[in-house]
Amino acid sequence: MSHLSREKLDLINRTKKVIGQLEAVQRALEEDAHCSDILQRLAAARGAINSLMGELMEDHIRHHMPRNSKSSEEAADDVIDIIRTYLK
């Protein structure tokens, strides 16, 4: 990963936030919290994960995909392959 140190720190902090959100889900389950509270915490964690994944996918597409695509169709195929791989 070729991120600047500030970008890397931001990604690490966002990852820690996701971990904290999932730990809050675990605590809520252990404490028999209301389902709606647990679902809200899960939705927040999912949103944070999706956002983090989107940013990393964008970085990968912009900086690590082959730049010498033979056609726009080939470039589109590369992007589709990346999306399919990481959104399974």
PDB file of N, CA and C in Angstrom:
ATOM      1  N   MET A   1       0.839  -1.171   0.000  1.00  0.00           N
ATOM      2  CA  MET A   1       0.000   0.000   0.000  1.00  0.00           C
ATOM      3  C   MET A   1       0.883   1.232   0.000  1.00  0.00           C
ATOM      4  N   SER A   2       0.591   2.133  -0.889  1.00  0.00           N
ATOM      5  CA  SER A   2       1.478   3.279  -1.022  1.00  0.00           C
ATOM      6  C   SER A   2       0.824   4.552  -0.504  1.00  0.00           C
ATOM      7  N   HIS A   3       0.288   4.483   0.688  1.00  0.00           N
ATOM      8  CA  HIS A   3      -0.380   5.646   1.264  1.00  0.00           C
ATOM      9  C   HIS A   3       0.635   6.540   1.963  1.00  0.00           C
ATOM     10  N   LEU A   4       0.315   7.815   1.979  1.00  0.00           N
ATOM     11  CA  LEU A   4       1.089   8.731   2.800  1.00  0.00           C
ATOM     12  C   LEU A   4       0.819   8.377   4.248  1.00  0.00           C
ATOM     13  N   SER A   5       1.718   8.748   5.126  1.00  0.00           N
ATOM     14  CA  SER A   5       1.561   8.371   6.528  1.00  0.00           C
ATOM     15  C   SER A   5       0.271   8.920   7.126  1.00  0.00           C
ATOM     16  N   ARG A   6      -0.148  10.115   6.720  1.00  0.00           N
ATOM     17  CA  ARG A   6      -1.391  10.684   7.250  1.00  0.00           C
ATOM     18  C   ARG A   6      -2.595   9.878   6.781  1.00  0.00           C
ATOM     19  N   GLU A   7      -2.597   9.488   5.511  1.00  0.00           N
ATOM     20  CA  GLU A   7      -3.683   8.663   4.980  1.00  0.00           C
ATOM     21  C   GLU A   7      -3.702   7.302   5.661  1.00  0.00           C
ATOM     22  N   LYS A   8      -2.531   6.750   5.874  1.00  0.00           N
ATOM     23  CA  LYS A   8      -2.439   5.458   6.542  1.00  0.00           C
ATOM     24  C   LYS A   8      -2.976   5.563   7.969  1.00  0.00           C
ATOM     25  N   LEU A   9      -2.616   6.621   8.675  1.00  0.00           N
ATOM     26  CA  LEU A   9      -3.105   6.823  10.033  1.00  0.00           C
ATOM     27  C   LEU A   9      -4.627   6.951  10.040  1.00  0.00           C
ATOM     28  N   ASP A  10      -5.180   7.663   9.058  1.00  0.00           N
ATOM     29  CA  ASP A  10      -6.633   7.799   8.950  1.00  0.00           C
ATOM     30  C   ASP A  10      -7.288   6.437   8.759  1.00  0.00           C
ATOM     31  N   LEU A  11      -6.731   5.603   7.891  1.00  0.00           N
ATOM     32  CA  LEU A  11      -7.288   4.266   7.651  1.00  0.00           C
ATOM     33  C   LEU A  11      -7.203   3.402   8.905  1.00  0.00           C
ATOM     34  N   ILE A  12      -6.103   3.502   9.616  1.00  0.00           N
ATOM     35  CA  ILE A  12      -5.954   2.741  10.861  1.00  0.00           C
ATOM     36  C   ILE A  12      -6.975   3.203  11.889  1.00  0.00           C
ATOM     37  N   ASN A  13      -7.162   4.505  12.016  1.00  0.00           N
ATOM     38  CA  ASN A  13      -8.142   5.031  12.966  1.00  0.00           C
ATOM     39  C   ASN A  13      -9.559   4.613  12.598  1.00  0.00           C
ATOM     40  N   ARG A  14      -9.870   4.605  11.324  1.00  0.00           N
ATOM     41  CA  ARG A  14     -11.192   4.169  10.888  1.00  0.00           C
ATOM     42  C   ARG A  14     -11.394   2.692  11.180  1.00  0.00           C
ATOM     43  N   THR A  15     -10.343   1.899  11.015  1.00  0.00           N
ATOM     44  CA  THR A  15     -10.424   0.474  11.329  1.00  0.00           C
ATOM     45  C   THR A  15     -10.660   0.264  12.818  1.00  0.00           C
ATOM     46  N   LYS A  16      -9.991   1.036  13.644  1.00  0.00           N
ATOM     47  CA  LYS A  16     -10.197   0.944  15.089  1.00  0.00           C
ATOM     48  C   LYS A  16     -11.629   1.312  15.461  1.00  0.00           C
ATOM     49  N   LYS A  17     -12.194   2.291  14.752  1.00  0.00           N
ATOM     50  CA  LYS A  17     -13.574   2.685  15.001  1.00  0.00           C
ATOM     51  C   LYS A  17     -14.524   1.527  14.689  1.00  0.00           C
ATOM     52  N   VAL A  18     -14.280   0.832  13.586  1.00  0.00           N
ATOM     53  CA  VAL A  18     -15.100  -0.326  13.231  1.00  0.00           C
ATOM     54  C   VAL A  18     -14.995  -1.399  14.319  1.00  0.00           C
ATOM     55  N   ILE A  19     -13.783  -1.641  14.771  1.00  0.00           N
ATOM     56  CA  ILE A  19     -13.582  -2.634  15.831  1.00  0.00           C
ATOM     57  C   ILE A  19     -14.363  -2.231  17.077  1.00  0.00           C
ATOM     58  N   GLY A  20     -14.304  -0.957  17.431  1.00  0.00           N
ATOM     59  CA  GLY A  20     -15.058  -0.465  18.582  1.00  0.00           C
ATOM     60  C   GLY A  20     -16.554  -0.646  18.402  1.00  0.00           C
ATOM     61  N   GLN A  21     -17.035  -0.399  17.189  1.00  0.00           N
ATOM     62  CA  GLN A  21     -18.459  -0.580  16.921  1.00  0.00           C
ATOM     63  C   GLN A  21     -18.864  -2.047  17.061  1.00  0.00           C
ATOM     64  N   LEU A  22     -18.037  -2.945  16.574  1.00  0.00           N
ATOM     65  CA  LEU A  22     -18.351  -4.366  16.698  1.00  0.00           C
ATOM     66  C   LEU A  22     -18.257  -4.846  18.142  1.00  0.00           C
ATOM     67  N   GLU A  23     -17.332  -4.289  18.893  1.00  0.00           N
ATOM     68  CA  GLU A  23     -17.265  -4.624  20.317  1.00  0.00           C
ATOM     69  C   GLU A  23     -18.517  -4.136  21.037  1.00  0.00           C
ATOM     70  N   ALA A  24     -19.065  -2.986  20.621  1.00  0.00           N
ATOM     71  CA  ALA A  24     -20.309  -2.481  21.201  1.00  0.00           C
ATOM     72  C   ALA A  24     -21.475  -3.415  20.871  1.00  0.00           C
ATOM     73  N   VAL A  25     -21.460  -3.994  19.684  1.00  0.00           N
ATOM     74  CA  VAL A  25     -22.478  -4.981  19.315  1.00  0.00           C
ATOM     75  C   VAL A  25     -22.358  -6.193  20.232  1.00  0.00           C
ATOM     76  N   GLN A  26     -21.147  -6.665  20.435  1.00  0.00           N
ATOM     77  CA  GLN A  26     -20.927  -7.821  21.297  1.00  0.00           C
ATOM     78  C   GLN A  26     -21.419  -7.544  22.725  1.00  0.00           C
ATOM     79  N   ARG A  27     -21.067  -6.380  23.253  1.00  0.00           N
ATOM     80  CA  ARG A  27     -21.522  -6.027  24.607  1.00  0.00           C
ATOM     81  C   ARG A  27     -23.043  -5.969  24.676  1.00  0.00           C
ATOM     82  N   ALA A  28     -23.652  -5.395  23.659  1.00  0.00           N
ATOM     83  CA  ALA A  28     -25.111  -5.293  23.637  1.00  0.00           C
ATOM     84  C   ALA A  28     -25.757  -6.682  23.625  1.00  0.00           C
ATOM     85  N   LEU A  29     -25.175  -7.597  22.878  1.00  0.00           N
ATOM     86  CA  LEU A  29     -25.689  -8.970  22.859  1.00  0.00           C
ATOM     87  C   LEU A  29     -25.530  -9.628  24.229  1.00  0.00           C
ATOM     88  N   GLU A  30     -24.376  -9.426  24.833  1.00  0.00           N
ATOM     89  CA  GLU A  30     -24.128 -10.017  26.156  1.00  0.00           C
ATOM     90  C   GLU A  30     -25.056  -9.444  27.216  1.00  0.00           C
ATOM     91  N   GLU A  31     -25.466  -8.203  27.036  1.00  0.00           N
ATOM     92  CA  GLU A  31     -26.326  -7.524  28.009  1.00  0.00           C
ATOM     93  C   GLU A  31     -27.804  -7.644  27.650  1.00  0.00           C
ATOM     94  N   ASP A  32     -28.133  -8.459  26.649  1.00  0.00           N
ATOM     95  CA  ASP A  32     -29.517  -8.649  26.206  1.00  0.00           C
ATOM     96  C   ASP A  32     -30.202  -7.329  25.852  1.00  0.00           C
ATOM     97  N   ALA A  33     -29.506  -6.484  25.124  1.00  0.00           N
ATOM     98  CA  ALA A  33     -30.064  -5.204  24.683  1.00  0.00           C
ATOM     99  C   ALA A  33     -31.201  -5.463  23.695  1.00  0.00           C
ATOM    100  N   HIS A  34     -32.003  -4.448  23.464  1.00  0.00           N
ATOM    101  CA  HIS A  34     -33.103  -4.560  22.508  1.00  0.00           C
ATOM    102  C   HIS A  34     -32.549  -4.825  21.110  1.00  0.00           C
ATOM    103  N   CYS A  35     -33.288  -5.621  20.365  1.00  0.00           N
ATOM    104  CA  CYS A  35     -32.862  -5.953  18.998  1.00  0.00           C
ATOM    105  C   CYS A  35     -32.637  -4.699  18.159  1.00  0.00           C
ATOM    106  N   SER A  36     -33.511  -3.717  18.319  1.00  0.00           N
ATOM    107  CA  SER A  36     -33.373  -2.502  17.508  1.00  0.00           C
ATOM    108  C   SER A  36     -32.062  -1.777  17.804  1.00  0.00           C
ATOM    109  N   ASP A  37     -31.621  -1.799  19.058  1.00  0.00           N
ATOM    110  CA  ASP A  37     -30.337  -1.176  19.412  1.00  0.00           C
ATOM    111  C   ASP A  37     -29.175  -1.930  18.764  1.00  0.00           C
ATOM    112  N   ILE A  38     -29.258  -3.251  18.808  1.00  0.00           N
ATOM    113  CA  ILE A  38     -28.193  -4.076  18.218  1.00  0.00           C
ATOM    114  C   ILE A  38     -28.150  -3.879  16.703  1.00  0.00           C
ATOM    115  N   LEU A  39     -29.323  -3.874  16.080  1.00  0.00           N
ATOM    116  CA  LEU A  39     -29.374  -3.676  14.631  1.00  0.00           C
ATOM    117  C   LEU A  39     -28.835  -2.312  14.226  1.00  0.00           C
ATOM    118  N   GLN A  40     -29.129  -1.293  15.020  1.00  0.00           N
ATOM    119  CA  GLN A  40     -28.614   0.046  14.725  1.00  0.00           C
ATOM    120  C   GLN A  40     -27.090   0.061  14.810  1.00  0.00           C
ATOM    121  N   ARG A  41     -26.541  -0.604  15.812  1.00  0.00           N
ATOM    122  CA  ARG A  41     -25.074  -0.670  15.950  1.00  0.00           C
ATOM    123  C   ARG A  41     -24.452  -1.457  14.801  1.00  0.00           C
ATOM    124  N   LEU A  42     -25.119  -2.543  14.402  1.00  0.00           N
ATOM    125  CA  LEU A  42     -24.616  -3.317  13.266  1.00  0.00           C
ATOM    126  C   LEU A  42     -24.657  -2.500  11.980  1.00  0.00           C
ATOM    127  N   ALA A  43     -25.727  -1.750  11.782  1.00  0.00           N
ATOM    128  CA  ALA A  43     -25.838  -0.913  10.577  1.00  0.00           C
ATOM    129  C   ALA A  43     -24.733   0.132  10.544  1.00  0.00           C
ATOM    130  N   ALA A  44     -24.412   0.712  11.692  1.00  0.00           N
ATOM    131  CA  ALA A  44     -23.333   1.703  11.758  1.00  0.00           C
ATOM    132  C   ALA A  44     -21.998   1.048  11.426  1.00  0.00           C
ATOM    133  N   ALA A  45     -21.765  -0.145  11.956  1.00  0.00           N
ATOM    134  CA  ALA A  45     -20.509  -0.860  11.678  1.00  0.00           C
ATOM    135  C   ALA A  45     -20.425  -1.222  10.198  1.00  0.00           C
ATOM    136  N   ARG A  46     -21.549  -1.695   9.643  1.00  0.00           N
ATOM    137  CA  ARG A  46     -21.561  -2.053   8.222  1.00  0.00           C
ATOM    138  C   ARG A  46     -21.266  -0.827   7.366  1.00  0.00           C
ATOM    139  N   GLY A  47     -21.853   0.310   7.708  1.00  0.00           N
ATOM    140  CA  GLY A  47     -21.596   1.542   6.955  1.00  0.00           C
ATOM    141  C   GLY A  47     -20.135   1.946   7.019  1.00  0.00           C
ATOM    142  N   ALA A  48     -19.544   1.825   8.204  1.00  0.00           N
ATOM    143  CA  ALA A  48     -18.126   2.168   8.361  1.00  0.00           C
ATOM    144  C   ALA A  48     -17.240   1.218   7.569  1.00  0.00           C
ATOM    145  N   ILE A  49     -17.573  -0.061   7.583  1.00  0.00           N
ATOM    146  CA  ILE A  49     -16.797  -1.047   6.819  1.00  0.00           C
ATOM    147  C   ILE A  49     -16.929  -0.771   5.321  1.00  0.00           C
ATOM    148  N   ASN A  50     -18.153  -0.522   4.862  1.00  0.00           N
ATOM    149  CA  ASN A  50     -18.367  -0.251   3.437  1.00  0.00           C
ATOM    150  C   ASN A  50     -17.615   1.001   2.991  1.00  0.00           C
ATOM    151  N   SER A  51     -17.623   2.019   3.828  1.00  0.00           N
ATOM    152  CA  SER A  51     -16.913   3.255   3.503  1.00  0.00           C
ATOM    153  C   SER A  51     -15.405   3.019   3.422  1.00  0.00           C
ATOM    154  N   LEU A  52     -14.877   2.291   4.384  1.00  0.00           N
ATOM    155  CA  LEU A  52     -13.448   1.975   4.394  1.00  0.00           C
ATOM    156  C   LEU A  52     -13.079   1.126   3.182  1.00  0.00           C
ATOM    157  N   MET A  53     -13.908   0.131   2.884  1.00  0.00           N
ATOM    158  CA  MET A  53     -13.645  -0.719   1.733  1.00  0.00           C
ATOM    159  C   MET A  53     -13.712   0.090   0.445  1.00  0.00           C
ATOM    160  N   GLY A  54     -14.665   0.999   0.342  1.00  0.00           N
ATOM    161  CA  GLY A  54     -14.769   1.835  -0.851  1.00  0.00           C
ATOM    162  C   GLY A  54     -13.535   2.690  -1.059  1.00  0.00           C
ATOM    163  N   GLU A  55     -13.037   3.262   0.019  1.00  0.00           N
ATOM    164  CA  GLU A  55     -11.838   4.094  -0.093  1.00  0.00           C
ATOM    165  C   GLU A  55     -10.625   3.262  -0.515  1.00  0.00           C
ATOM    166  N   LEU A  56     -10.483   2.086   0.054  1.00  0.00           N
ATOM    167  CA  LEU A  56      -9.352   1.232  -0.315  1.00  0.00           C
ATOM    168  C   LEU A  56      -9.482   0.718  -1.747  1.00  0.00           C
ATOM    169  N   MET A  57     -10.716   0.406  -2.175  1.00  0.00           N
ATOM    170  CA  MET A  57     -10.918  -0.031  -3.556  1.00  0.00           C
ATOM    171  C   MET A  57     -10.576   1.103  -4.530  1.00  0.00           C
ATOM    172  N   GLU A  58     -10.991   2.330  -4.184  1.00  0.00           N
ATOM    173  CA  GLU A  58     -10.666   3.469  -5.031  1.00  0.00           C
ATOM    174  C   GLU A  58      -9.152   3.632  -5.155  1.00  0.00           C
ATOM    175  N   ASP A  59      -8.455   3.521  -4.031  1.00  0.00           N
ATOM    176  CA  ASP A  59      -7.000   3.638  -4.053  1.00  0.00           C
ATOM    177  C   ASP A  59      -6.389   2.544  -4.918  1.00  0.00           C
ATOM    178  N   HIS A  60      -6.897   1.340  -4.763  1.00  0.00           N
ATOM    179  CA  HIS A  60      -6.373   0.218  -5.546  1.00  0.00           C
ATOM    180  C   HIS A  60      -6.595   0.454  -7.041  1.00  0.00           C
ATOM    181  N   ILE A  61      -7.798   0.897  -7.391  1.00  0.00           N
ATOM    182  CA  ILE A  61      -8.110   1.132  -8.804  1.00  0.00           C
ATOM    183  C   ILE A  61      -7.244   2.258  -9.363  1.00  0.00           C
ATOM    184  N   ARG A  62      -7.107   3.332  -8.600  1.00  0.00           N
ATOM    185  CA  ARG A  62      -6.342   4.488  -9.090  1.00  0.00           C
ATOM    186  C   ARG A  62      -4.839   4.242  -9.152  1.00  0.00           C
ATOM    187  N   HIS A  63      -4.305   3.494  -8.187  1.00  0.00           N
ATOM    188  CA  HIS A  63      -2.851   3.414  -8.061  1.00  0.00           C
ATOM    189  C   HIS A  63      -2.236   2.055  -8.372  1.00  0.00           C
ATOM    190  N   HIS A  64      -3.030   1.000  -8.374  1.00  0.00           N
ATOM    191  CA  HIS A  64      -2.428  -0.316  -8.520  1.00  0.00           C
ATOM    192  C   HIS A  64      -2.945  -1.112  -9.711  1.00  0.00           C
ATOM    193  N   MET A  65      -3.951  -0.589 -10.392  1.00  0.00           N
ATOM    194  CA  MET A  65      -4.430  -1.288 -11.582  1.00  0.00           C
ATOM    195  C   MET A  65      -3.454  -1.046 -12.733  1.00  0.00           C
ATOM    196  N   PRO A  66      -3.385  -2.006 -13.615  1.00  0.00           N
ATOM    197  CA  PRO A  66      -2.521  -1.791 -14.789  1.00  0.00           C
ATOM    198  C   PRO A  66      -2.979  -0.555 -15.559  1.00  0.00           C
ATOM    199  N   ARG A  67      -2.041   0.293 -15.912  1.00  0.00           N
ATOM    200  CA  ARG A  67      -2.355   1.534 -16.622  1.00  0.00           C
ATOM    201  C   ARG A  67      -2.341   1.345 -18.138  1.00  0.00           C
ATOM    202  N   ASN A  68      -1.845   0.233 -18.610  1.00  0.00           N
ATOM    203  CA  ASN A  68      -1.691   0.044 -20.051  1.00  0.00           C
ATOM    204  C   ASN A  68      -2.795  -0.842 -20.620  1.00  0.00           C
ATOM    205  N   SER A  69      -4.033  -0.550 -20.250  1.00  0.00           N
ATOM    206  CA  SER A  69      -5.153  -1.322 -20.778  1.00  0.00           C
ATOM    207  C   SER A  69      -5.229  -1.122 -22.289  1.00  0.00           C
ATOM    208  N   LYS A  70      -5.592  -2.182 -22.973  1.00  0.00           N
ATOM    209  CA  LYS A  70      -5.649  -2.114 -24.433  1.00  0.00           C
ATOM    210  C   LYS A  70      -6.904  -1.400 -24.920  1.00  0.00           C
ATOM    211  N   SER A  71      -7.948  -1.405 -24.102  1.00  0.00           N
ATOM    212  CA  SER A  71      -9.187  -0.747 -24.512  1.00  0.00           C
ATOM    213  C   SER A  71      -9.961  -0.333 -23.270  1.00  0.00           C
ATOM    214  N   SER A  72     -10.964   0.523 -23.476  1.00  0.00           N
ATOM    215  CA  SER A  72     -11.801   0.918 -22.342  1.00  0.00           C
ATOM    216  C   SER A  72     -12.596  -0.284 -21.838  1.00  0.00           C
ATOM    217  N   GLU A  73     -12.915  -1.215 -22.722  1.00  0.00           N
ATOM    218  CA  GLU A  73     -13.639  -2.427 -22.308  1.00  0.00           C
ATOM    219  C   GLU A  73     -12.761  -3.282 -21.385  1.00  0.00           C
ATOM    220  N   GLU A  74     -11.485  -3.381 -21.710  1.00  0.00           N
ATOM    221  CA  GLU A  74     -10.562  -4.136 -20.859  1.00  0.00           C
ATOM    222  C   GLU A  74     -10.406  -3.466 -19.498  1.00  0.00           C
ATOM    223  N   ALA A  75     -10.325  -2.140 -19.483  1.00  0.00           N
ATOM    224  CA  ALA A  75     -10.226  -1.406 -18.223  1.00  0.00           C
ATOM    225  C   ALA A  75     -11.495  -1.629 -17.399  1.00  0.00           C
ATOM    226  N   ALA A  76     -12.650  -1.586 -18.050  1.00  0.00           N
ATOM    227  CA  ALA A  76     -13.914  -1.835 -17.348  1.00  0.00           C
ATOM    228  C   ALA A  76     -13.935  -3.250 -16.779  1.00  0.00           C
ATOM    229  N   ASP A  77     -13.451  -4.221 -17.537  1.00  0.00           N
ATOM    230  CA  ASP A  77     -13.385  -5.599 -17.041  1.00  0.00           C
ATOM    231  C   ASP A  77     -12.508  -5.697 -15.802  1.00  0.00           C
ATOM    232  N   ASP A  78     -11.399  -4.964 -15.787  1.00  0.00           N
ATOM    233  CA  ASP A  78     -10.513  -4.959 -14.620  1.00  0.00           C
ATOM    234  C   ASP A  78     -11.239  -4.432 -13.385  1.00  0.00           C
ATOM    235  N   VAL A  79     -11.972  -3.326 -13.551  1.00  0.00           N
ATOM    236  CA  VAL A  79     -12.711  -2.738 -12.424  1.00  0.00           C
ATOM    237  C   VAL A  79     -13.795  -3.697 -11.948  1.00  0.00           C
ATOM    238  N   ILE A  80     -14.511  -4.291 -12.875  1.00  0.00           N
ATOM    239  CA  ILE A  80     -15.560  -5.244 -12.515  1.00  0.00           C
ATOM    240  C   ILE A  80     -14.977  -6.426 -11.751  1.00  0.00           C
ATOM    241  N   ASP A  81     -13.835  -6.935 -12.190  1.00  0.00           N
ATOM    242  CA  ASP A  81     -13.182  -8.049 -11.484  1.00  0.00           C
ATOM    243  C   ASP A  81     -12.828  -7.662 -10.053  1.00  0.00           C
ATOM    244  N   ILE A  82     -12.314  -6.458  -9.876  1.00  0.00           N
ATOM    245  CA  ILE A  82     -11.957  -5.993  -8.532  1.00  0.00           C
ATOM    246  C   ILE A  82     -13.200  -5.914  -7.655  1.00  0.00           C
ATOM    247  N   ILE A  83     -14.255  -5.323  -8.179  1.00  0.00           N
ATOM    248  CA  ILE A  83     -15.490  -5.185  -7.403  1.00  0.00           C
ATOM    249  C   ILE A  83     -16.052  -6.548  -7.045  1.00  0.00           C
ATOM    250  N   ARG A  84     -16.115  -7.440  -7.988  1.00  0.00           N
ATOM    251  CA  ARG A  84     -16.648  -8.796  -7.719  1.00  0.00           C
ATOM    252  C   ARG A  84     -15.804  -9.530  -6.682  1.00  0.00           C
ATOM    253  N   THR A  85     -14.497  -9.368  -6.762  1.00  0.00           N
ATOM    254  CA  THR A  85     -13.602 -10.045  -5.828  1.00  0.00           C
ATOM    255  C   THR A  85     -13.835  -9.597  -4.393  1.00  0.00           C
ATOM    256  N   TYR A  86     -13.985  -8.297  -4.196  1.00  0.00           N
ATOM    257  CA  TYR A  86     -14.040  -7.762  -2.832  1.00  0.00           C
ATOM    258  C   TYR A  86     -15.438  -7.581  -2.276  1.00  0.00           C
ATOM    259  N   LEU A  87     -16.457  -7.735  -3.096  1.00  0.00           N
ATOM    260  CA  LEU A  87     -17.817  -7.596  -2.588  1.00  0.00           C
ATOM    261  C   LEU A  87     -18.558  -8.921  -2.488  1.00  0.00           C
ATOM    262  N   LYS A  88     -17.821 -10.000  -2.465  1.00  0.00           N
ATOM    263  CA  LYS A  88     -18.456 -11.320  -2.292  1.00  0.00           C
ATOM    264  C   LYS A  88     -18.973 -11.474  -0.897  1.00  0.00           C
TER     265      LYS A  88
END
